[in-house]
Every structure is written in structure tokens, then in C-alpha cells.
PDB file of N, CA and C in Angstrom:
ATOM      1  N   MET A   1       2.059 -17.183   2.727  1.00  0.00           N
ATOM      2  CA  MET A   1       1.858 -15.815   2.343  1.00  0.00           C
ATOM      3  C   MET A   1       2.709 -15.516   1.111  1.00  0.00           C
ATOM      4  N   TYR A   2       2.137 -14.739   0.225  1.00  0.00           N
ATOM      5  CA  TYR A   2       2.816 -14.328  -0.995  1.00  0.00           C
ATOM      6  C   TYR A   2       2.887 -12.804  -0.988  1.00  0.00           C
ATOM      7  N   ILE A   3       4.069 -12.250  -1.201  1.00  0.00           N
ATOM      8  CA  ILE A   3       4.254 -10.803  -1.204  1.00  0.00           C
ATOM      9  C   ILE A   3       4.952 -10.390  -2.495  1.00  0.00           C
ATOM     10  N   THR A   4       4.439  -9.331  -3.118  1.00  0.00           N
ATOM     11  CA  THR A   4       5.144  -8.737  -4.254  1.00  0.00           C
ATOM     12  C   THR A   4       5.405  -7.274  -3.945  1.00  0.00           C
ATOM     13  N   ILE A   5       6.549  -6.798  -4.392  1.00  0.00           N
ATOM     14  CA  ILE A   5       6.929  -5.392  -4.249  1.00  0.00           C
ATOM     15  C   ILE A   5       7.248  -4.909  -5.652  1.00  0.00           C
ATOM     16  N   THR A   6       6.447  -3.958  -6.142  1.00  0.00           N
ATOM     17  CA  THR A   6       6.524  -3.557  -7.539  1.00  0.00           C
ATOM     18  C   THR A   6       6.710  -2.051  -7.674  1.00  0.00           C
ATOM     19  N   PRO A   7       7.776  -1.616  -8.381  1.00  0.00           N
ATOM     20  CA  PRO A   7       7.893  -0.177  -8.653  1.00  0.00           C
ATOM     21  C   PRO A   7       6.796   0.241  -9.614  1.00  0.00           C
ATOM     22  N   GLN A   8       6.199   1.385  -9.382  1.00  0.00           N
ATOM     23  CA  GLN A   8       5.086   1.833 -10.212  1.00  0.00           C
ATOM     24  C   GLN A   8       5.580   2.614 -11.422  1.00  0.00           C
ATOM     25  N   LYS A   9       5.187   2.162 -12.603  1.00  0.00           N
ATOM     26  CA  LYS A   9       5.592   2.770 -13.861  1.00  0.00           C
ATOM     27  C   LYS A   9       4.385   3.192 -14.671  1.00  0.00           C
ATOM     28  N   LEU A  10       4.583   4.173 -15.514  1.00  0.00           N
ATOM     29  CA  LEU A  10       3.624   4.558 -16.543  1.00  0.00           C
ATOM     30  C   LEU A  10       4.336   4.343 -17.863  1.00  0.00           C
ATOM     31  N   GLY A  11       3.981   3.308 -18.559  1.00  0.00           N
ATOM     32  CA  GLY A  11       4.707   2.989 -19.790  1.00  0.00           C
ATOM     33  C   GLY A  11       6.126   2.587 -19.454  1.00  0.00           C
ATOM     34  N   GLY A  12       7.109   3.261 -20.055  1.00  0.00           N
ATOM     35  CA  GLY A  12       8.507   2.930 -19.824  1.00  0.00           C
ATOM     36  C   GLY A  12       9.176   3.795 -18.779  1.00  0.00           C
ATOM     37  N   THR A  13       8.438   4.716 -18.148  1.00  0.00           N
ATOM     38  CA  THR A  13       9.046   5.601 -17.165  1.00  0.00           C
ATOM     39  C   THR A  13       8.338   5.459 -15.825  1.00  0.00           C
ATOM     40  N   TYR A  14       9.038   5.877 -14.784  1.00  0.00           N
ATOM     41  CA  TYR A  14       8.447   5.811 -13.454  1.00  0.00           C
ATOM     42  C   TYR A  14       7.463   6.950 -13.253  1.00  0.00           C
ATOM     43  N   SER A  15       6.352   6.637 -12.636  1.00  0.00           N
ATOM     44  CA  SER A  15       5.319   7.624 -12.360  1.00  0.00           C
ATOM     45  C   SER A  15       5.880   8.695 -11.431  1.00  0.00           C
ATOM     46  N   GLN A  16       5.558   9.947 -11.702  1.00  0.00           N
ATOM     47  CA  GLN A  16       6.026  11.049 -10.870  1.00  0.00           C
ATOM     48  C   GLN A  16       5.087  11.317  -9.698  1.00  0.00           C
ATOM     49  N   SER A  17       3.880  10.762  -9.728  1.00  0.00           N
ATOM     50  CA  SER A  17       2.911  10.954  -8.653  1.00  0.00           C
ATOM     51  C   SER A  17       2.163   9.646  -8.409  1.00  0.00           C
ATOM     52  N   SER A  18       1.717   9.485  -7.181  1.00  0.00           N
ATOM     53  CA  SER A  18       0.941   8.305  -6.814  1.00  0.00           C
ATOM     54  C   SER A  18      -0.555   8.511  -7.047  1.00  0.00           C
ATOM     55  N   ALA A  19      -0.951   9.686  -7.535  1.00  0.00           N
ATOM     56  CA  ALA A  19      -2.365  10.029  -7.663  1.00  0.00           C
ATOM     57  C   ALA A  19      -3.141   9.044  -8.532  1.00  0.00           C
ATOM     58  N   ASP A  20      -2.608   8.655  -9.673  1.00  0.00           N
ATOM     59  CA  ASP A  20      -3.321   7.711 -10.542  1.00  0.00           C
ATOM     60  C   ASP A  20      -3.484   6.348  -9.872  1.00  0.00           C
ATOM     61  N   PHE A  21      -2.449   5.903  -9.181  1.00  0.00           N
ATOM     62  CA  PHE A  21      -2.505   4.613  -8.502  1.00  0.00           C
ATOM     63  C   PHE A  21      -3.519   4.651  -7.357  1.00  0.00           C
ATOM     64  N   VAL A  22      -3.508   5.715  -6.571  1.00  0.00           N
ATOM     65  CA  VAL A  22      -4.464   5.872  -5.473  1.00  0.00           C
ATOM     66  C   VAL A  22      -5.880   5.947  -6.041  1.00  0.00           C
ATOM     67  N   GLY A  23      -6.061   6.663  -7.148  1.00  0.00           N
ATOM     68  CA  GLY A  23      -7.363   6.738  -7.799  1.00  0.00           C
ATOM     69  C   GLY A  23      -7.850   5.373  -8.249  1.00  0.00           C
ATOM     70  N   TYR A  24      -6.927   4.574  -8.779  1.00  0.00           N
ATOM     71  CA  TYR A  24      -7.254   3.208  -9.189  1.00  0.00           C
ATOM     72  C   TYR A  24      -7.750   2.398  -7.984  1.00  0.00           C
ATOM     73  N   LEU A  25      -7.069   2.518  -6.860  1.00  0.00           N
ATOM     74  CA  LEU A  25      -7.473   1.789  -5.659  1.00  0.00           C
ATOM     75  C   LEU A  25      -8.816   2.282  -5.129  1.00  0.00           C
ATOM     76  N   GLU A  26      -9.084   3.554  -5.279  1.00  0.00           N
ATOM     77  CA  GLU A  26     -10.341   4.142  -4.804  1.00  0.00           C
ATOM     78  C   GLU A  26     -11.540   3.640  -5.599  1.00  0.00           C
ATOM     79  N   LYS A  27     -11.338   3.162  -6.824  1.00  0.00           N
ATOM     80  CA  LYS A  27     -12.454   2.665  -7.641  1.00  0.00           C
ATOM     81  C   LYS A  27     -13.199   1.527  -6.957  1.00  0.00           C
ATOM     82  N   GLU A  28     -12.511   0.792  -6.100  1.00  0.00           N
ATOM     83  CA  GLU A  28     -13.146  -0.308  -5.375  1.00  0.00           C
ATOM     84  C   GLU A  28     -14.307   0.189  -4.513  1.00  0.00           C
ATOM     85  N   ASN A  29     -14.257   1.438  -4.076  1.00  0.00           N
ATOM     86  CA  ASN A  29     -15.272   1.986  -3.181  1.00  0.00           C
ATOM     87  C   ASN A  29     -16.421   2.681  -3.901  1.00  0.00           C
ATOM     88  N   GLN A  30     -16.320   2.875  -5.199  1.00  0.00           N
ATOM     89  CA  GLN A  30     -17.278   3.708  -5.924  1.00  0.00           C
ATOM     90  C   GLN A  30     -18.729   3.253  -5.795  1.00  0.00           C
ATOM     91  N   SER A  31     -18.990   1.990  -5.810  1.00  0.00           N
ATOM     92  CA  SER A  31     -20.373   1.511  -5.771  1.00  0.00           C
ATOM     93  C   SER A  31     -20.837   1.113  -4.367  1.00  0.00           C
ATOM     94  N   LEU A  32     -20.006   1.397  -3.361  1.00  0.00           N
ATOM     95  CA  LEU A  32     -20.326   0.974  -1.992  1.00  0.00           C
ATOM     96  C   LEU A  32     -20.939   2.107  -1.179  1.00  0.00           C
ATOM     97  N   GLU A  33     -21.748   1.721  -0.213  1.00  0.00           N
ATOM     98  CA  GLU A  33     -22.269   2.679   0.764  1.00  0.00           C
ATOM     99  C   GLU A  33     -21.126   3.084   1.700  1.00  0.00           C
ATOM    100  N   GLN A  34     -21.228   4.235   2.328  1.00  0.00           N
ATOM    101  CA  GLN A  34     -20.168   4.765   3.196  1.00  0.00           C
ATOM    102  C   GLN A  34     -19.694   3.742   4.237  1.00  0.00           C
ATOM    103  N   GLU A  35     -20.630   3.059   4.879  1.00  0.00           N
ATOM    104  CA  GLU A  35     -20.247   2.118   5.932  1.00  0.00           C
ATOM    105  C   GLU A  35     -19.593   0.843   5.397  1.00  0.00           C
ATOM    106  N   GLU A  36     -19.689   0.574   4.108  1.00  0.00           N
ATOM    107  CA  GLU A  36     -19.079  -0.615   3.500  1.00  0.00           C
ATOM    108  C   GLU A  36     -17.701  -0.319   2.897  1.00  0.00           C
ATOM    109  N   MET A  37     -17.343   0.949   2.769  1.00  0.00           N
ATOM    110  CA  MET A  37     -16.092   1.322   2.104  1.00  0.00           C
ATOM    111  C   MET A  37     -14.879   0.883   2.904  1.00  0.00           C
ATOM    112  N   GLU A  38     -13.847   0.523   2.167  1.00  0.00           N
ATOM    113  CA  GLU A  38     -12.547   0.237   2.770  1.00  0.00           C
ATOM    114  C   GLU A  38     -11.714   1.504   2.655  1.00  0.00           C
ATOM    115  N   HIS A  39     -11.133   1.910   3.770  1.00  0.00           N
ATOM    116  CA  HIS A  39     -10.358   3.138   3.795  1.00  0.00           C
ATOM    117  C   HIS A  39      -8.870   2.822   3.830  1.00  0.00           C
ATOM    118  N   PHE A  40      -8.076   3.785   3.386  1.00  0.00           N
ATOM    119  CA  PHE A  40      -6.633   3.653   3.539  1.00  0.00           C
ATOM    120  C   PHE A  40      -6.326   3.704   5.026  1.00  0.00           C
ATOM    121  N   PHE A  41      -5.263   3.007   5.419  1.00  0.00           N
ATOM    122  CA  PHE A  41      -4.851   3.025   6.816  1.00  0.00           C
ATOM    123  C   PHE A  41      -3.341   2.952   6.887  1.00  0.00           C
ATOM    124  N   ASN A  42      -2.812   3.369   8.020  1.00  0.00           N
ATOM    125  CA  ASN A  42      -1.383   3.246   8.268  1.00  0.00           C
ATOM    126  C   ASN A  42      -1.191   2.769   9.700  1.00  0.00           C
ATOM    127  N   GLN A  43       0.019   2.881  10.211  1.00  0.00           N
ATOM    128  CA  GLN A  43       0.271   2.383  11.562  1.00  0.00           C
ATOM    129  C   GLN A  43      -0.395   3.230  12.637  1.00  0.00           C
ATOM    130  N   TYR A  44      -0.863   4.446  12.273  1.00  0.00           N
ATOM    131  CA  TYR A  44      -1.431   5.354  13.269  1.00  0.00           C
ATOM    132  C   TYR A  44      -2.948   5.528  13.169  1.00  0.00           C
ATOM    133  N   GLY A  45      -3.516   5.309  11.998  1.00  0.00           N
ATOM    134  CA  GLY A  45      -4.933   5.584  11.833  1.00  0.00           C
ATOM    135  C   GLY A  45      -5.614   4.648  10.856  1.00  0.00           C
ATOM    136  N   ASP A  46      -6.953   4.642  10.914  1.00  0.00           N
ATOM    137  CA  ASP A  46      -7.741   3.720  10.104  1.00  0.00           C
ATOM    138  C   ASP A  46      -8.489   4.357   8.943  1.00  0.00           C
ATOM    139  N   GLU A  47      -8.648   5.648   8.931  1.00  0.00           N
ATOM    140  CA  GLU A  47      -9.411   6.295   7.867  1.00  0.00           C
ATOM    141  C   GLU A  47      -8.603   7.439   7.274  1.00  0.00           C
ATOM    142  N   ILE A  48      -7.594   7.091   6.491  1.00  0.00           N
ATOM    143  CA  ILE A  48      -6.723   8.072   5.855  1.00  0.00           C
ATOM    144  C   ILE A  48      -7.336   8.432   4.506  1.00  0.00           C
ATOM    145  N   SER A  49      -7.460   9.715   4.229  1.00  0.00           N
ATOM    146  CA  SER A  49      -8.071  10.146   2.967  1.00  0.00           C
ATOM    147  C   SER A  49      -7.128   9.877   1.793  1.00  0.00           C
ATOM    148  N   ALA A  50      -7.707   9.735   0.617  1.00  0.00           N
ATOM    149  CA  ALA A  50      -6.913   9.534  -0.599  1.00  0.00           C
ATOM    150  C   ALA A  50      -5.969  10.709  -0.815  1.00  0.00           C
ATOM    151  N   GLU A  51      -6.439  11.921  -0.534  1.00  0.00           N
ATOM    152  CA  GLU A  51      -5.610  13.111  -0.710  1.00  0.00           C
ATOM    153  C   GLU A  51      -4.385  13.076   0.202  1.00  0.00           C
ATOM    154  N   GLU A  52      -4.588  12.640   1.448  1.00  0.00           N
ATOM    155  CA  GLU A  52      -3.470  12.542   2.383  1.00  0.00           C
ATOM    156  C   GLU A  52      -2.482  11.462   1.954  1.00  0.00           C
ATOM    157  N   VAL A  53      -2.988  10.362   1.427  1.00  0.00           N
ATOM    158  CA  VAL A  53      -2.116   9.288   0.938  1.00  0.00           C
ATOM    159  C   VAL A  53      -1.218   9.824  -0.173  1.00  0.00           C
ATOM    160  N   VAL A  54      -1.809  10.506  -1.144  1.00  0.00           N
ATOM    161  CA  VAL A  54      -1.037  11.060  -2.267  1.00  0.00           C
ATOM    162  C   VAL A  54      -0.008  12.068  -1.757  1.00  0.00           C
ATOM    163  N   LYS A  55      -0.433  12.964  -0.878  1.00  0.00           N
ATOM    164  CA  LYS A  55       0.470  13.993  -0.341  1.00  0.00           C
ATOM    165  C   LYS A  55       1.658  13.354   0.387  1.00  0.00           C
ATOM    166  N   ASP A  56       1.393  12.355   1.225  1.00  0.00           N
ATOM    167  CA  ASP A  56       2.461  11.710   1.992  1.00  0.00           C
ATOM    168  C   ASP A  56       3.424  10.937   1.095  1.00  0.00           C
ATOM    169  N   ILE A  57       2.893  10.219   0.128  1.00  0.00           N
ATOM    170  CA  ILE A  57       3.761   9.439  -0.767  1.00  0.00           C
ATOM    171  C   ILE A  57       4.561  10.369  -1.677  1.00  0.00           C
ATOM    172  N   ASP A  58       3.883  11.308  -2.316  1.00  0.00           N
ATOM    173  CA  ASP A  58       4.567  12.199  -3.259  1.00  0.00           C
ATOM    174  C   ASP A  58       5.554  13.121  -2.561  1.00  0.00           C
ATOM    175  N   GLY A  59       5.301  13.454  -1.310  1.00  0.00           N
ATOM    176  CA  GLY A  59       6.201  14.339  -0.572  1.00  0.00           C
ATOM    177  C   GLY A  59       7.427  13.649  -0.020  1.00  0.00           C
ATOM    178  N   ASN A  60       7.554  12.367  -0.272  1.00  0.00           N
ATOM    179  CA  ASN A  60       8.657  11.594   0.297  1.00  0.00           C
ATOM    180  C   ASN A  60       9.719  11.223  -0.734  1.00  0.00           C
ATOM    181  N   GLY A  61       9.739  11.873  -1.890  1.00  0.00           N
ATOM    182  CA  GLY A  61      10.686  11.472  -2.927  1.00  0.00           C
ATOM    183  C   GLY A  61      11.578  12.580  -3.426  1.00  0.00           C
ATOM    184  N   ALA A  62      11.799  13.608  -2.624  1.00  0.00           N
ATOM    185  CA  ALA A  62      12.548  14.780  -3.080  1.00  0.00           C
ATOM    186  C   ALA A  62      13.968  14.451  -3.544  1.00  0.00           C
ATOM    187  N   LYS A  63      14.602  13.473  -2.935  1.00  0.00           N
ATOM    188  CA  LYS A  63      15.993  13.156  -3.255  1.00  0.00           C
ATOM    189  C   LYS A  63      16.132  12.105  -4.352  1.00  0.00           C
ATOM    190  N   LEU A  64      15.011  11.665  -4.901  1.00  0.00           N
ATOM    191  CA  LEU A  64      15.060  10.631  -5.929  1.00  0.00           C
ATOM    192  C   LEU A  64      15.288  11.238  -7.301  1.00  0.00           C
ATOM    193  N   LYS A  65      16.024  10.501  -8.129  1.00  0.00           N
ATOM    194  CA  LYS A  65      16.241  10.919  -9.512  1.00  0.00           C
ATOM    195  C   LYS A  65      15.018  10.568 -10.350  1.00  0.00           C
ATOM    196  N   LYS A  66      14.877  11.191 -11.509  1.00  0.00           N
ATOM    197  CA  LYS A  66      13.740  10.899 -12.387  1.00  0.00           C
ATOM    198  C   LYS A  66      13.780   9.468 -12.913  1.00  0.00           C
ATOM    199  N   THR A  67      14.950   8.857 -12.861  1.00  0.00           N
ATOM    200  CA  THR A  67      15.079   7.485 -13.344  1.00  0.00           C
ATOM    201  C   THR A  67      14.841   6.455 -12.241  1.00  0.00           C
ATOM    202  N   GLU A  68      14.494   6.918 -11.043  1.00  0.00           N
ATOM    203  CA  GLU A  68      14.235   6.010  -9.926  1.00  0.00           C
ATOM    204  C   GLU A  68      12.735   5.962  -9.628  1.00  0.00           C
ATOM    205  N   PRO A  69      12.251   4.819  -9.156  1.00  0.00           N
ATOM    206  CA  PRO A  69      10.836   4.731  -8.794  1.00  0.00           C
ATOM    207  C   PRO A  69      10.521   5.683  -7.647  1.00  0.00           C
ATOM    208  N   LYS A  70       9.375   6.353  -7.730  1.00  0.00           N
ATOM    209  CA  LYS A  70       8.951   7.283  -6.678  1.00  0.00           C
ATOM    210  C   LYS A  70       8.201   6.553  -5.570  1.00  0.00           C
ATOM    211  N   PHE A  71       7.605   5.424  -5.917  1.00  0.00           N
ATOM    212  CA  PHE A  71       6.916   4.625  -4.909  1.00  0.00           C
ATOM    213  C   PHE A  71       6.751   3.204  -5.437  1.00  0.00           C
ATOM    214  N   TYR A  72       6.489   2.307  -4.522  1.00  0.00           N
ATOM    215  CA  TYR A  72       6.274   0.893  -4.822  1.00  0.00           C
ATOM    216  C   TYR A  72       4.896   0.500  -4.317  1.00  0.00           C
ATOM    217  N   SER A  73       4.295  -0.454  -4.975  1.00  0.00           N
ATOM    218  CA  SER A  73       3.092  -1.055  -4.406  1.00  0.00           C
ATOM    219  C   SER A  73       3.514  -2.382  -3.790  1.00  0.00           C
ATOM    220  N   ILE A  74       2.976  -2.647  -2.636  1.00  0.00           N
ATOM    221  CA  ILE A  74       3.257  -3.896  -1.939  1.00  0.00           C
ATOM    222  C   ILE A  74       1.941  -4.659  -1.861  1.00  0.00           C
ATOM    223  N   THR A  75       1.929  -5.847  -2.430  1.00  0.00           N
ATOM    224  CA  THR A  75       0.749  -6.693  -2.403  1.00  0.00           C
ATOM    225  C   THR A  75       1.017  -7.844  -1.442  1.00  0.00           C
ATOM    226  N   VAL A  76       0.164  -7.978  -0.454  1.00  0.00           N
ATOM    227  CA  VAL A  76       0.283  -9.047   0.531  1.00  0.00           C
ATOM    228  C   VAL A  76      -0.904  -9.977   0.343  1.00  0.00           C
ATOM    229  N   SER A  77      -0.631 -11.234   0.048  1.00  0.00           N
ATOM    230  CA  SER A  77      -1.676 -12.230  -0.154  1.00  0.00           C
ATOM    231  C   SER A  77      -1.504 -13.349   0.873  1.00  0.00           C
ATOM    232  N   PRO A  78      -2.242 -13.282   1.965  1.00  0.00           N
ATOM    233  CA  PRO A  78      -2.137 -14.347   2.968  1.00  0.00           C
ATOM    234  C   PRO A  78      -2.602 -15.687   2.399  1.00  0.00           C
ATOM    235  N   SER A  79      -2.032 -16.748   2.913  1.00  0.00           N
ATOM    236  CA  SER A  79      -2.434 -18.095   2.500  1.00  0.00           C
ATOM    237  C   SER A  79      -3.831 -18.399   3.049  1.00  0.00           C
ATOM    238  N   LYS A  80      -4.427 -19.488   2.570  1.00  0.00           N
ATOM    239  CA  LYS A  80      -5.738 -19.904   3.083  1.00  0.00           C
ATOM    240  C   LYS A  80      -5.662 -20.154   4.584  1.00  0.00           C
ATOM    241  N   TYR A  81      -4.573 -20.768   5.019  1.00  0.00           N
ATOM    242  CA  TYR A  81      -4.386 -21.028   6.447  1.00  0.00           C
ATOM    243  C   TYR A  81      -4.369 -19.722   7.233  1.00  0.00           C
ATOM    244  N   GLU A  82      -3.606 -18.738   6.742  1.00  0.00           N
ATOM    245  CA  GLU A  82      -3.533 -17.448   7.429  1.00  0.00           C
ATOM    246  C   GLU A  82      -4.891 -16.737   7.432  1.00  0.00           C
ATOM    247  N   LEU A  83      -5.613 -16.793   6.299  1.00  0.00           N
ATOM    248  CA  LEU A  83      -6.931 -16.174   6.233  1.00  0.00           C
ATOM    249  C   LEU A  83      -7.902 -16.832   7.207  1.00  0.00           C
ATOM    250  N   ASN A  84      -7.828 -18.159   7.325  1.00  0.00           N
ATOM    251  CA  ASN A  84      -8.692 -18.863   8.282  1.00  0.00           C
ATOM    252  C   ASN A  84      -8.394 -18.428   9.715  1.00  0.00           C
ATOM    253  N   ARG A  85      -7.119 -18.239  10.019  1.00  0.00           N
ATOM    254  CA  ARG A  85      -6.743 -17.776  11.358  1.00  0.00           C
ATOM    255  C   ARG A  85      -7.220 -16.354  11.599  1.00  0.00           C
ATOM    256  N   LEU A  86      -7.267 -15.562  10.529  1.00  0.00           N
ATOM    257  CA  LEU A  86      -7.759 -14.183  10.640  1.00  0.00           C
ATOM    258  C   LEU A  86      -9.279 -14.135  10.598  1.00  0.00           C
ATOM    259  N   GLN A  87      -9.904 -15.245  10.258  1.00  0.00           N
ATOM    260  CA  GLN A  87     -11.353 -15.370  10.149  1.00  0.00           C
ATOM    261  C   GLN A  87     -11.939 -14.372   9.153  1.00  0.00           C
ATOM    262  N   ASN A  88     -11.142 -14.032   8.132  1.00  0.00           N
ATOM    263  CA  ASN A  88     -11.561 -13.105   7.080  1.00  0.00           C
ATOM    264  C   ASN A  88     -12.100 -11.785   7.633  1.00  0.00           C
ATOM    265  N   SER A  89     -11.658 -11.393   8.789  1.00  0.00           N
ATOM    266  CA  SER A  89     -12.079 -10.145   9.407  1.00  0.00           C
ATOM    267  C   SER A  89     -11.224  -8.991   8.887  1.00  0.00           C
ATOM    268  N   SER A  90     -11.865  -7.908   8.488  1.00  0.00           N
ATOM    269  CA  SER A  90     -11.158  -6.738   7.995  1.00  0.00           C
ATOM    270  C   SER A  90     -10.228  -6.170   9.069  1.00  0.00           C
ATOM    271  N   GLU A  91     -10.703  -6.116  10.307  1.00  0.00           N
ATOM    272  CA  GLU A  91      -9.885  -5.582  11.397  1.00  0.00           C
ATOM    273  C   GLU A  91      -8.679  -6.477  11.678  1.00  0.00           C
ATOM    274  N   ASP A  92      -8.889  -7.798  11.652  1.00  0.00           N
ATOM    275  CA  ASP A  92      -7.774  -8.720  11.849  1.00  0.00           C
ATOM    276  C   ASP A  92      -6.755  -8.584  10.724  1.00  0.00           C
ATOM    277  N   LEU A  93      -7.241  -8.391   9.507  1.00  0.00           N
ATOM    278  CA  LEU A  93      -6.341  -8.232   8.364  1.00  0.00           C
ATOM    279  C   LEU A  93      -5.528  -6.942   8.481  1.00  0.00           C
ATOM    280  N   LYS A  94      -6.127  -5.881   8.975  1.00  0.00           N
ATOM    281  CA  LYS A  94      -5.384  -4.635   9.199  1.00  0.00           C
ATOM    282  C   LYS A  94      -4.291  -4.844  10.242  1.00  0.00           C
ATOM    283  N   ARG A  95      -4.635  -5.505  11.356  1.00  0.00           N
ATOM    284  CA  ARG A  95      -3.631  -5.787  12.393  1.00  0.00           C
ATOM    285  C   ARG A  95      -2.492  -6.620  11.820  1.00  0.00           C
ATOM    286  N   TYR A  96      -2.850  -7.645  11.055  1.00  0.00           N
ATOM    287  CA  TYR A  96      -1.863  -8.522  10.426  1.00  0.00           C
ATOM    288  C   TYR A  96      -0.938  -7.706   9.513  1.00  0.00           C
ATOM    289  N   THR A  97      -1.532  -6.825   8.712  1.00  0.00           N
ATOM    290  CA  THR A  97      -0.753  -6.008   7.783  1.00  0.00           C
ATOM    291  C   THR A  97       0.171  -5.058   8.533  1.00  0.00           C
ATOM    292  N   ARG A  98      -0.331  -4.450   9.589  1.00  0.00           N
ATOM    293  CA  ARG A  98       0.511  -3.544  10.383  1.00  0.00           C
ATOM    294  C   ARG A  98       1.717  -4.285  10.968  1.00  0.00           C
ATOM    295  N   GLU A  99       1.495  -5.481  11.491  1.00  0.00           N
ATOM    296  CA  GLU A  99       2.604  -6.267  12.041  1.00  0.00           C
ATOM    297  C   GLU A  99       3.587  -6.664  10.942  1.00  0.00           C
ATOM    298  N   LEU A 100       3.062  -7.045   9.805  1.00  0.00           N
ATOM    299  CA  LEU A 100       3.904  -7.411   8.671  1.00  0.00           C
ATOM    300  C   LEU A 100       4.770  -6.233   8.231  1.00  0.00           C
ATOM    301  N   MET A 101       4.183  -5.047   8.198  1.00  0.00           N
ATOM    302  CA  MET A 101       4.925  -3.855   7.773  1.00  0.00           C
ATOM    303  C   MET A 101       6.002  -3.478   8.787  1.00  0.00           C
ATOM    304  N   LYS A 102       5.793  -3.765  10.063  1.00  0.00           N
ATOM    305  CA  LYS A 102       6.850  -3.538  11.057  1.00  0.00           C
ATOM    306  C   LYS A 102       8.073  -4.382  10.708  1.00  0.00           C
ATOM    307  N   ASP A 103       7.842  -5.639  10.337  1.00  0.00           N
ATOM    308  CA  ASP A 103       8.946  -6.511   9.923  1.00  0.00           C
ATOM    309  C   ASP A 103       9.595  -5.996   8.646  1.00  0.00           C
ATOM    310  N   TYR A 104       8.788  -5.531   7.707  1.00  0.00           N
ATOM    311  CA  TYR A 104       9.294  -4.991   6.448  1.00  0.00           C
ATOM    312  C   TYR A 104      10.218  -3.804   6.706  1.00  0.00           C
ATOM    313  N   VAL A 105       9.798  -2.897   7.582  1.00  0.00           N
ATOM    314  CA  VAL A 105      10.600  -1.706   7.881  1.00  0.00           C
ATOM    315  C   VAL A 105      11.938  -2.097   8.496  1.00  0.00           C
ATOM    316  N   VAL A 106      11.928  -3.086   9.377  1.00  0.00           N
ATOM    317  CA  VAL A 106      13.174  -3.553   9.995  1.00  0.00           C
ATOM    318  C   VAL A 106      14.109  -4.114   8.931  1.00  0.00           C
ATOM    319  N   ASP A 107      13.558  -4.839   7.954  1.00  0.00           N
ATOM    320  CA  ASP A 107      14.364  -5.475   6.916  1.00  0.00           C
ATOM    321  C   ASP A 107      14.609  -4.579   5.712  1.00  0.00           C
ATOM    322  N   PHE A 108      14.025  -3.381   5.686  1.00  0.00           N
ATOM    323  CA  PHE A 108      14.076  -2.520   4.502  1.00  0.00           C
ATOM    324  C   PHE A 108      15.485  -2.277   3.974  1.00  0.00           C
ATOM    325  N   PRO A 109      16.503  -2.005   4.802  1.00  0.00           N
ATOM    326  CA  PRO A 109      17.840  -1.773   4.234  1.00  0.00           C
ATOM    327  C   PRO A 109      18.348  -2.944   3.377  1.00  0.00           C
ATOM    328  N   PHE A 110      17.875  -4.138   3.665  1.00  0.00           N
ATOM    329  CA  PHE A 110      18.310  -5.316   2.930  1.00  0.00           C
ATOM    330  C   PHE A 110      17.519  -5.549   1.648  1.00  0.00           C
ATOM    331  N   LEU A 111      16.451  -4.766   1.449  1.00  0.00           N
ATOM    332  CA  LEU A 111      15.581  -4.949   0.285  1.00  0.00           C
ATOM    333  C   LEU A 111      15.934  -3.990  -0.840  1.00  0.00           C
ATOM    334  N   GLY A 112      17.019  -3.253  -0.730  1.00  0.00           N
ATOM    335  CA  GLY A 112      17.379  -2.255  -1.719  1.00  0.00           C
ATOM    336  C   GLY A 112      17.620  -2.795  -3.104  1.00  0.00           C
ATOM    337  N   HIS A 113      17.835  -4.099  -3.242  1.00  0.00           N
ATOM    338  CA  HIS A 113      18.110  -4.690  -4.548  1.00  0.00           C
ATOM    339  C   HIS A 113      16.851  -4.993  -5.341  1.00  0.00           C
ATOM    340  N   LEU A 114      15.657  -4.794  -4.767  1.00  0.00           N
ATOM    341  CA  LEU A 114      14.407  -5.138  -5.448  1.00  0.00           C
ATOM    342  C   LEU A 114      14.113  -4.198  -6.588  1.00  0.00           C
TER     343      LEU A 114
END
């Protein structure tokens, strides 16, 4: 598995809102039928709206300085072996991601140097 954690920037400064990034991710769904769309999800639900994603992310940075990243993107790329075990199932991948994020949250205090 390969994981990257990237602070989101616009040019040389940190983005003040996640709206552009969420909009970028939503482009993947533009040409798809409703039943084929991939929705945002979290540990509690499977169909989180783009508006709710932006509200939750942007509402979580009140104590951050303008020189600090407001949010990070986390890219998880399972290996071929891991994908084969997941059988390329969207539901299995969501479960895998949720479990991975539980580990991330436990280790988060140690990731402050990223």
C-alpha cells in the first residue's frame, strides 16, 4: 500500500476552503448515471453530500493560522495484492479505507511533522 498526505495549496498559499478540491473530486461523477456515481463517505455514512463535506472540513479550522494548511488530502493506493483480496469491490474498498483511517486517527499525534 502506498499512502500520501498532502497539504492543499493554491499557488504559494494554503487554500482557505475545501470547496475547489471537493468540486474537483465531484468531476468524476459528472458523466455518470445516479446509480453509478461514487459518493463521499465517512465512518458513519455512505452518501455524504459535497456541501456537507465542505461544511465539515471548512468548519474544523477555526484555530489555524493563515500560514497553516486548512486541510490535507490523503491518497490511499492499495497494492495489487490488496486489491485482489478486496476483489475490486467498491464496498470492500470503503471498509478497507474506514479501517485504515481508524489506524490513522490513532497514530495522528505522531504525524504532526508531515
